[in-house]
PDB file of N, CA and C in Angstrom:
ATOM      1  N   UNK A   1     275.273 155.927 224.775  1.00  0.00           N
ATOM      2  CA  UNK A   1     274.092 155.456 225.523  1.00  0.00           C
ATOM      3  C   UNK A   1     273.222 156.658 225.620  1.00  0.00           C
ATOM      4  N   UNK A   2     271.947 156.587 225.395  1.00  0.00           N
ATOM      5  CA  UNK A   2     271.020 157.764 225.453  1.00  0.00           C
ATOM      6  C   UNK A   2     270.571 157.908 226.923  1.00  0.00           C
ATOM      7  N   UNK A   3     270.111 159.187 227.222  1.00  0.00           N
ATOM      8  CA  UNK A   3     269.686 159.570 228.508  1.00  0.00           C
ATOM      9  C   UNK A   3     268.799 158.623 229.228  1.00  0.00           C
ATOM     10  N   UNK A   4     267.747 158.155 228.391  1.00  0.00           N
ATOM     11  CA  UNK A   4     266.706 157.292 229.017  1.00  0.00           C
ATOM     12  C   UNK A   4     267.288 155.959 229.392  1.00  0.00           C
ATOM     13  N   UNK A   5     268.192 155.395 228.537  1.00  0.00           N
ATOM     14  CA  UNK A   5     268.805 154.138 228.869  1.00  0.00           C
ATOM     15  C   UNK A   5     269.730 154.296 230.172  1.00  0.00           C
ATOM     16  N   UNK A   6     270.451 155.419 230.248  1.00  0.00           N
ATOM     17  CA  UNK A   6     271.347 155.687 231.361  1.00  0.00           C
ATOM     18  C   UNK A   6     270.461 155.753 232.623  1.00  0.00           C
ATOM     19  N   UNK A   7     269.387 156.432 232.485  1.00  0.00           N
ATOM     20  CA  UNK A   7     268.469 156.516 233.672  1.00  0.00           C
ATOM     21  C   UNK A   7     267.912 155.212 234.109  1.00  0.00           C
ATOM     22  N   UNK A   8     267.628 154.356 233.174  1.00  0.00           N
ATOM     23  CA  UNK A   8     267.189 152.952 233.513  1.00  0.00           C
ATOM     24  C   UNK A   8     268.271 152.150 234.257  1.00  0.00           C
ATOM     25  N   UNK A   9     269.520 152.400 233.762  1.00  0.00           N
ATOM     26  CA  UNK A   9     270.606 151.563 234.469  1.00  0.00           C
ATOM     27  C   UNK A   9     270.819 152.136 235.825  1.00  0.00           C
ATOM     28  N   UNK A  10     270.804 153.389 235.995  1.00  0.00           N
ATOM     29  CA  UNK A  10     271.036 154.000 237.325  1.00  0.00           C
ATOM     30  C   UNK A  10     269.924 153.669 238.189  1.00  0.00           C
ATOM     31  N   UNK A  11     268.658 153.627 237.778  1.00  0.00           N
ATOM     32  CA  UNK A  11     267.587 153.305 238.587  1.00  0.00           C
ATOM     33  C   UNK A  11     267.763 151.783 239.028  1.00  0.00           C
ATOM     34  N   UNK A  12     268.107 150.950 238.156  1.00  0.00           N
ATOM     35  CA  UNK A  12     268.275 149.540 238.415  1.00  0.00           C
ATOM     36  C   UNK A  12     269.396 149.390 239.458  1.00  0.00           C
ATOM     37  N   UNK A  13     270.385 150.194 239.459  1.00  0.00           N
ATOM     38  CA  UNK A  13     271.555 150.105 240.319  1.00  0.00           C
ATOM     39  C   UNK A  13     271.222 150.879 241.668  1.00  0.00           C
ATOM     40  N   UNK A  14     269.979 151.363 241.771  1.00  0.00           N
ATOM     41  CA  UNK A  14     269.562 152.068 242.984  1.00  0.00           C
ATOM     42  C   UNK A  14     269.263 151.234 244.194  1.00  0.00           C
ATOM     43  N   UNK A  15     269.502 149.959 244.175  1.00  0.00           N
ATOM     44  CA  UNK A  15     269.271 149.033 245.188  1.00  0.00           C
ATOM     45  C   UNK A  15     270.547 148.327 245.675  1.00  0.00           C
ATOM     46  N   UNK A  16     270.905 148.356 246.933  1.00  0.00           N
ATOM     47  CA  UNK A  16     272.155 147.742 247.314  1.00  0.00           C
ATOM     48  C   UNK A  16     272.320 146.246 246.813  1.00  0.00           C
ATOM     49  N   UNK A  17     271.179 145.555 246.990  1.00  0.00           N
ATOM     50  CA  UNK A  17     271.301 144.073 246.503  1.00  0.00           C
ATOM     51  C   UNK A  17     271.626 143.940 245.136  1.00  0.00           C
ATOM     52  N   UNK A  18     271.000 144.775 244.241  1.00  0.00           N
ATOM     53  CA  UNK A  18     271.258 144.757 242.800  1.00  0.00           C
ATOM     54  C   UNK A  18     272.732 145.132 242.474  1.00  0.00           C
ATOM     55  N   UNK A  19     273.192 146.081 243.220  1.00  0.00           N
ATOM     56  CA  UNK A  19     274.629 146.472 243.049  1.00  0.00           C
ATOM     57  C   UNK A  19     275.530 145.253 243.384  1.00  0.00           C
ATOM     58  N   UNK A  20     275.296 144.639 244.536  1.00  0.00           N
ATOM     59  CA  UNK A  20     276.048 143.385 244.885  1.00  0.00           C
ATOM     60  C   UNK A  20     275.872 142.324 243.857  1.00  0.00           C
ATOM     61  N   UNK A  21     274.733 142.125 243.302  1.00  0.00           N
ATOM     62  CA  UNK A  21     274.523 141.160 242.325  1.00  0.00           C
ATOM     63  C   UNK A  21     275.381 141.346 241.060  1.00  0.00           C
ATOM     64  N   UNK A  22     275.412 142.693 240.595  1.00  0.00           N
ATOM     65  CA  UNK A  22     276.151 143.054 239.491  1.00  0.00           C
ATOM     66  C   UNK A  22     277.650 142.835 239.925  1.00  0.00           C
ATOM     67  N   UNK A  23     278.150 143.280 240.967  1.00  0.00           N
ATOM     68  CA  UNK A  23     279.482 143.048 241.469  1.00  0.00           C
ATOM     69  C   UNK A  23     279.927 141.471 241.423  1.00  0.00           C
ATOM     70  N   UNK A  24     279.039 140.742 241.952  1.00  0.00           N
ATOM     71  CA  UNK A  24     279.188 139.215 241.865  1.00  0.00           C
ATOM     72  C   UNK A  24     279.351 138.816 240.424  1.00  0.00           C
ATOM     73  N   UNK A  25     278.482 139.241 239.515  1.00  0.00           N
ATOM     74  CA  UNK A  25     278.530 138.728 238.171  1.00  0.00           C
ATOM     75  C   UNK A  25     279.732 139.270 237.482  1.00  0.00           C
ATOM     76  N   UNK A  26     280.289 140.387 237.781  1.00  0.00           N
ATOM     77  CA  UNK A  26     281.569 140.904 237.207  1.00  0.00           C
ATOM     78  C   UNK A  26     282.639 139.942 237.668  1.00  0.00           C
ATOM     79  N   UNK A  27     282.621 139.629 238.934  1.00  0.00           N
ATOM     80  CA  UNK A  27     283.708 138.766 239.359  1.00  0.00           C
ATOM     81  C   UNK A  27     283.806 137.421 238.867  1.00  0.00           C
ATOM     82  N   UNK A  28     282.600 136.727 238.605  1.00  0.00           N
ATOM     83  CA  UNK A  28     282.585 135.351 238.184  1.00  0.00           C
ATOM     84  C   UNK A  28     282.178 135.192 236.741  1.00  0.00           C
ATOM     85  N   UNK A  29     281.770 136.152 236.098  1.00  0.00           N
ATOM     86  CA  UNK A  29     281.513 136.216 234.686  1.00  0.00           C
ATOM     87  C   UNK A  29     280.018 135.723 234.493  1.00  0.00           C
ATOM     88  N   UNK A  30     279.680 134.493 234.666  1.00  0.00           N
ATOM     89  CA  UNK A  30     278.345 133.881 234.452  1.00  0.00           C
ATOM     90  C   UNK A  30     277.744 133.106 235.704  1.00  0.00           C
ATOM     91  N   UNK A  31     276.574 133.223 235.870  1.00  0.00           N
ATOM     92  CA  UNK A  31     276.021 132.528 237.030  1.00  0.00           C
ATOM     93  C   UNK A  31     274.552 132.202 236.789  1.00  0.00           C
ATOM     94  N   UNK A  32     274.059 131.117 237.339  1.00  0.00           N
ATOM     95  CA  UNK A  32     272.689 130.814 237.291  1.00  0.00           C
ATOM     96  C   UNK A  32     271.913 131.423 238.525  1.00  0.00           C
ATOM     97  N   UNK A  33     270.692 131.646 238.479  1.00  0.00           N
ATOM     98  CA  UNK A  33     269.853 132.239 239.491  1.00  0.00           C
ATOM     99  C   UNK A  33     270.071 131.472 240.749  1.00  0.00           C
ATOM    100  N   UNK A  34     269.929 130.183 240.721  1.00  0.00           N
ATOM    101  CA  UNK A  34     270.104 129.417 241.984  1.00  0.00           C
ATOM    102  C   UNK A  34     271.411 129.651 242.689  1.00  0.00           C
ATOM    103  N   UNK A  35     272.509 129.804 242.017  1.00  0.00           N
ATOM    104  CA  UNK A  35     273.714 130.097 242.645  1.00  0.00           C
ATOM    105  C   UNK A  35     273.719 131.487 243.313  1.00  0.00           C
ATOM    106  N   UNK A  36     273.119 132.455 242.777  1.00  0.00           N
ATOM    107  CA  UNK A  36     272.948 133.790 243.309  1.00  0.00           C
ATOM    108  C   UNK A  36     272.131 133.721 244.618  1.00  0.00           C
ATOM    109  N   UNK A  37     271.106 132.938 244.503  1.00  0.00           N
ATOM    110  CA  UNK A  37     270.174 132.842 245.637  1.00  0.00           C
ATOM    111  C   UNK A  37     270.974 132.222 246.875  1.00  0.00           C
ATOM    112  N   UNK A  38     271.956 131.366 246.607  1.00  0.00           N
ATOM    113  CA  UNK A  38     272.762 130.713 247.670  1.00  0.00           C
ATOM    114  C   UNK A  38     273.638 131.716 248.223  1.00  0.00           C
ATOM    115  N   UNK A  39     273.973 132.850 247.710  1.00  0.00           N
ATOM    116  CA  UNK A  39     274.893 133.744 248.113  1.00  0.00           C
ATOM    117  C   UNK A  39     274.212 134.881 248.977  1.00  0.00           C
ATOM    118  N   UNK A  40     273.029 135.256 248.572  1.00  0.00           N
ATOM    119  CA  UNK A  40     272.272 136.214 249.416  1.00  0.00           C
ATOM    120  C   UNK A  40     271.252 135.662 250.241  1.00  0.00           C
ATOM    121  N   UNK A  41     270.891 136.485 251.333  1.00  0.00           N
ATOM    122  CA  UNK A  41     269.968 135.909 252.305  1.00  0.00           C
ATOM    123  C   UNK A  41     268.532 136.405 251.905  1.00  0.00           C
ATOM    124  N   UNK A  42     268.135 136.132 250.619  1.00  0.00           N
ATOM    125  CA  UNK A  42     266.785 136.429 250.084  1.00  0.00           C
ATOM    126  C   UNK A  42     266.220 135.229 249.380  1.00  0.00           C
ATOM    127  N   UNK A  43     264.957 135.238 249.288  1.00  0.00           N
ATOM    128  CA  UNK A  43     264.302 134.076 248.650  1.00  0.00           C
ATOM    129  C   UNK A  43     264.520 134.172 247.063  1.00  0.00           C
ATOM    130  N   UNK A  44     264.210 132.949 246.450  1.00  0.00           N
ATOM    131  CA  UNK A  44     264.408 132.869 245.016  1.00  0.00           C
ATOM    132  C   UNK A  44     263.556 133.905 244.312  1.00  0.00           C
ATOM    133  N   UNK A  45     262.321 134.246 244.768  1.00  0.00           N
ATOM    134  CA  UNK A  45     261.543 135.195 244.061  1.00  0.00           C
ATOM    135  C   UNK A  45     262.085 136.625 244.190  1.00  0.00           C
ATOM    136  N   UNK A  46     262.627 136.911 245.363  1.00  0.00           N
ATOM    137  CA  UNK A  46     263.157 138.255 245.566  1.00  0.00           C
ATOM    138  C   UNK A  46     264.367 138.410 244.589  1.00  0.00           C
ATOM    139  N   UNK A  47     265.240 137.373 244.500  1.00  0.00           N
ATOM    140  CA  UNK A  47     266.420 137.470 243.618  1.00  0.00           C
ATOM    141  C   UNK A  47     266.028 137.506 242.148  1.00  0.00           C
ATOM    142  N   UNK A  48     265.048 136.675 241.848  1.00  0.00           N
ATOM    143  CA  UNK A  48     264.571 136.795 240.467  1.00  0.00           C
ATOM    144  C   UNK A  48     264.039 138.125 240.100  1.00  0.00           C
ATOM    145  N   UNK A  49     263.308 138.815 241.006  1.00  0.00           N
ATOM    146  CA  UNK A  49     262.787 140.160 240.730  1.00  0.00           C
ATOM    147  C   UNK A  49     263.937 141.111 240.564  1.00  0.00           C
ATOM    148  N   UNK A  50     264.946 141.046 241.363  1.00  0.00           N
ATOM    149  CA  UNK A  50     266.108 141.870 241.179  1.00  0.00           C
ATOM    150  C   UNK A  50     266.770 141.668 239.846  1.00  0.00           C
ATOM    151  N   UNK A  51     266.949 140.291 239.485  1.00  0.00           N
ATOM    152  CA  UNK A  51     267.502 140.030 238.177  1.00  0.00           C
ATOM    153  C   UNK A  51     266.678 140.580 236.965  1.00  0.00           C
ATOM    154  N   UNK A  52     265.368 140.470 237.081  1.00  0.00           N
ATOM    155  CA  UNK A  52     264.405 141.030 236.143  1.00  0.00           C
ATOM    156  C   UNK A  52     264.758 142.467 235.870  1.00  0.00           C
ATOM    157  N   UNK A  53     264.778 143.227 236.950  1.00  0.00           N
ATOM    158  CA  UNK A  53     265.007 144.578 236.883  1.00  0.00           C
ATOM    159  C   UNK A  53     266.293 144.898 236.210  1.00  0.00           C
ATOM    160  N   UNK A  54     267.358 144.237 236.666  1.00  0.00           N
ATOM    161  CA  UNK A  54     268.597 144.376 236.053  1.00  0.00           C
ATOM    162  C   UNK A  54     268.742 144.021 234.482  1.00  0.00           C
ATOM    163  N   UNK A  55     268.019 143.032 234.227  1.00  0.00           N
ATOM    164  CA  UNK A  55     267.955 142.642 232.806  1.00  0.00           C
ATOM    165  C   UNK A  55     267.116 143.671 231.971  1.00  0.00           C
ATOM    166  N   UNK A  56     266.059 144.129 232.493  1.00  0.00           N
ATOM    167  CA  UNK A  56     265.207 145.174 231.679  1.00  0.00           C
ATOM    168  C   UNK A  56     266.040 146.500 231.556  1.00  0.00           C
ATOM    169  N   UNK A  57     266.931 146.678 232.527  1.00  0.00           N
ATOM    170  CA  UNK A  57     267.796 147.975 232.295  1.00  0.00           C
ATOM    171  C   UNK A  57     268.797 147.727 231.264  1.00  0.00           C
ATOM    172  N   UNK A  58     269.212 146.488 230.973  1.00  0.00           N
ATOM    173  CA  UNK A  58     270.170 146.179 229.971  1.00  0.00           C
ATOM    174  C   UNK A  58     271.599 145.951 230.500  1.00  0.00           C
ATOM    175  N   UNK A  59     271.815 146.155 231.911  1.00  0.00           N
ATOM    176  CA  UNK A  59     273.148 145.873 232.317  1.00  0.00           C
ATOM    177  C   UNK A  59     273.450 144.434 232.490  1.00  0.00           C
ATOM    178  N   UNK A  60     272.331 143.572 232.671  1.00  0.00           N
ATOM    179  CA  UNK A  60     272.555 142.142 232.841  1.00  0.00           C
ATOM    180  C   UNK A  60     271.787 141.424 231.685  1.00  0.00           C
ATOM    181  N   UNK A  61     272.439 140.395 231.249  1.00  0.00           N
ATOM    182  CA  UNK A  61     271.824 139.561 230.168  1.00  0.00           C
ATOM    183  C   UNK A  61     271.512 138.243 230.691  1.00  0.00           C
ATOM    184  N   UNK A  62     270.493 137.639 230.245  1.00  0.00           N
ATOM    185  CA  UNK A  62     270.050 136.260 230.727  1.00  0.00           C
ATOM    186  C   UNK A  62     269.831 135.471 229.490  1.00  0.00           C
ATOM    187  N   UNK A  63     270.443 134.196 229.562  1.00  0.00           N
ATOM    188  CA  UNK A  63     270.306 133.236 228.409  1.00  0.00           C
ATOM    189  C   UNK A  63     269.790 131.948 229.034  1.00  0.00           C
ATOM    190  N   UNK A  64     268.690 131.485 228.395  1.00  0.00           N
ATOM    191  CA  UNK A  64     268.016 130.148 228.904  1.00  0.00           C
ATOM    192  C   UNK A  64     268.648 129.044 228.260  1.00  0.00           C
ATOM    193  N   UNK A  65     269.056 128.130 229.116  1.00  0.00           N
ATOM    194  CA  UNK A  65     269.646 126.789 228.597  1.00  0.00           C
ATOM    195  C   UNK A  65     268.911 125.663 229.361  1.00  0.00           C
ATOM    196  N   UNK A  66     267.899 125.108 228.804  1.00  0.00           N
ATOM    197  CA  UNK A  66     267.126 124.059 229.372  1.00  0.00           C
ATOM    198  C   UNK A  66     266.365 124.705 230.602  1.00  0.00           C
ATOM    199  N   UNK A  67     266.394 124.159 231.711  1.00  0.00           N
ATOM    200  CA  UNK A  67     265.604 124.665 232.848  1.00  0.00           C
ATOM    201  C   UNK A  67     266.344 125.807 233.538  1.00  0.00           C
ATOM    202  N   UNK A  68     267.650 126.122 233.209  1.00  0.00           N
ATOM    203  CA  UNK A  68     268.348 127.168 233.888  1.00  0.00           C
ATOM    204  C   UNK A  68     268.521 128.420 233.030  1.00  0.00           C
ATOM    205  N   UNK A  69     268.553 129.530 233.724  1.00  0.00           N
ATOM    206  CA  UNK A  69     268.955 130.719 233.078  1.00  0.00           C
ATOM    207  C   UNK A  69     270.287 131.246 233.556  1.00  0.00           C
ATOM    208  N   UNK A  70     271.070 131.514 232.595  1.00  0.00           N
ATOM    209  CA  UNK A  70     272.429 132.000 232.933  1.00  0.00           C
ATOM    210  C   UNK A  70     272.513 133.504 232.852  1.00  0.00           C
ATOM    211  N   UNK A  71     273.060 134.161 233.857  1.00  0.00           N
ATOM    212  CA  UNK A  71     273.057 135.650 233.880  1.00  0.00           C
ATOM    213  C   UNK A  71     274.617 136.046 233.736  1.00  0.00           C
ATOM    214  N   UNK A  72     274.826 137.205 233.118  1.00  0.00           N
ATOM    215  CA  UNK A  72     276.082 137.779 233.011  1.00  0.00           C
ATOM    216  C   UNK A  72     275.867 139.333 232.874  1.00  0.00           C
ATOM    217  N   UNK A  73     276.907 140.098 233.158  1.00  0.00           N
ATOM    218  CA  UNK A  73     276.879 141.567 232.952  1.00  0.00           C
ATOM    219  C   UNK A  73     277.137 141.732 231.477  1.00  0.00           C
ATOM    220  N   UNK A  74     276.386 142.752 230.897  1.00  0.00           N
ATOM    221  CA  UNK A  74     276.557 143.140 229.476  1.00  0.00           C
ATOM    222  C   UNK A  74     277.790 144.108 229.581  1.00  0.00           C
ATOM    223  N   UNK A  75     278.895 143.637 229.114  1.00  0.00           N
ATOM    224  CA  UNK A  75     280.113 144.384 229.164  1.00  0.00           C
ATOM    225  C   UNK A  75     280.116 145.776 228.354  1.00  0.00           C
ATOM    226  N   UNK A  76     279.390 145.618 227.255  1.00  0.00           N
ATOM    227  CA  UNK A  76     279.227 146.912 226.489  1.00  0.00           C
ATOM    228  C   UNK A  76     278.462 147.933 227.236  1.00  0.00           C
ATOM    229  N   UNK A  77     277.410 147.574 227.834  1.00  0.00           N
ATOM    230  CA  UNK A  77     276.620 148.499 228.671  1.00  0.00           C
ATOM    231  C   UNK A  77     277.477 149.015 229.882  1.00  0.00           C
ATOM    232  N   UNK A  78     278.158 148.138 230.503  1.00  0.00           N
ATOM    233  CA  UNK A  78     279.070 148.385 231.614  1.00  0.00           C
ATOM    234  C   UNK A  78     280.054 149.513 231.181  1.00  0.00           C
ATOM    235  N   UNK A  79     280.711 149.207 230.055  1.00  0.00           N
ATOM    236  CA  UNK A  79     281.670 150.173 229.622  1.00  0.00           C
ATOM    237  C   UNK A  79     281.197 151.541 229.200  1.00  0.00           C
ATOM    238  N   UNK A  80     279.990 151.627 228.651  1.00  0.00           N
ATOM    239  CA  UNK A  80     279.296 152.777 228.380  1.00  0.00           C
ATOM    240  C   UNK A  80     279.086 153.654 229.645  1.00  0.00           C
ATOM    241  N   UNK A  81     278.588 152.852 230.597  1.00  0.00           N
ATOM    242  CA  UNK A  81     278.257 153.410 231.941  1.00  0.00           C
ATOM    243  C   UNK A  81     279.556 153.994 232.540  1.00  0.00           C
ATOM    244  N   UNK A  82     280.600 153.294 232.475  1.00  0.00           N
ATOM    245  CA  UNK A  82     281.911 153.745 232.983  1.00  0.00           C
ATOM    246  C   UNK A  82     282.357 155.022 232.231  1.00  0.00           C
ATOM    247  N   UNK A  83     282.200 155.054 230.920  1.00  0.00           N
ATOM    248  CA  UNK A  83     282.552 156.302 230.162  1.00  0.00           C
ATOM    249  C   UNK A  83     281.822 157.421 230.570  1.00  0.00           C
ATOM    250  N   UNK A  84     280.507 157.177 230.806  1.00  0.00           N
ATOM    251  CA  UNK A  84     279.604 158.377 231.268  1.00  0.00           C
ATOM    252  C   UNK A  84     280.020 158.938 232.578  1.00  0.00           C
ATOM    253  N   UNK A  85     280.303 157.996 233.506  1.00  0.00           N
ATOM    254  CA  UNK A  85     280.700 158.484 234.866  1.00  0.00           C
ATOM    255  C   UNK A  85     282.035 159.137 234.865  1.00  0.00           C
ATOM    256  N   UNK A  86     282.980 158.635 234.030  1.00  0.00           N
ATOM    257  CA  UNK A  86     284.313 159.176 233.971  1.00  0.00           C
ATOM    258  C   UNK A  86     284.238 160.539 233.403  1.00  0.00           C
ATOM    259  N   UNK A  87     283.204 160.854 232.478  1.00  0.00           N
ATOM    260  CA  UNK A  87     283.191 162.113 231.880  1.00  0.00           C
ATOM    261  C   UNK A  87     282.529 163.214 232.726  1.00  0.00           C
ATOM    262  N   UNK A  88     282.006 162.826 233.895  1.00  0.00           N
ATOM    263  CA  UNK A  88     281.374 163.781 234.839  1.00  0.00           C
ATOM    264  C   UNK A  88     282.420 164.639 235.521  1.00  0.00           C
TER     265      UNK A  88
END
């Protein structure tokens, strides 16, 4: 993973709510936005904004199926991030 991509991922993970969203997605594998909204005490728009930032960084993927968007952690990006941190 290049430095610019790493910086994007770390920046996206720079908010406690986004870290918790990623942890939740790791635990359950795939989730729709509405389910995430039910877990956190934030509005739909706030959660959607957090998911957008995570998706733009590459650590989260989103797939649209009808009216729902399913989100999951990109395991390849997560593994690259782990390798980078372990090498420090």
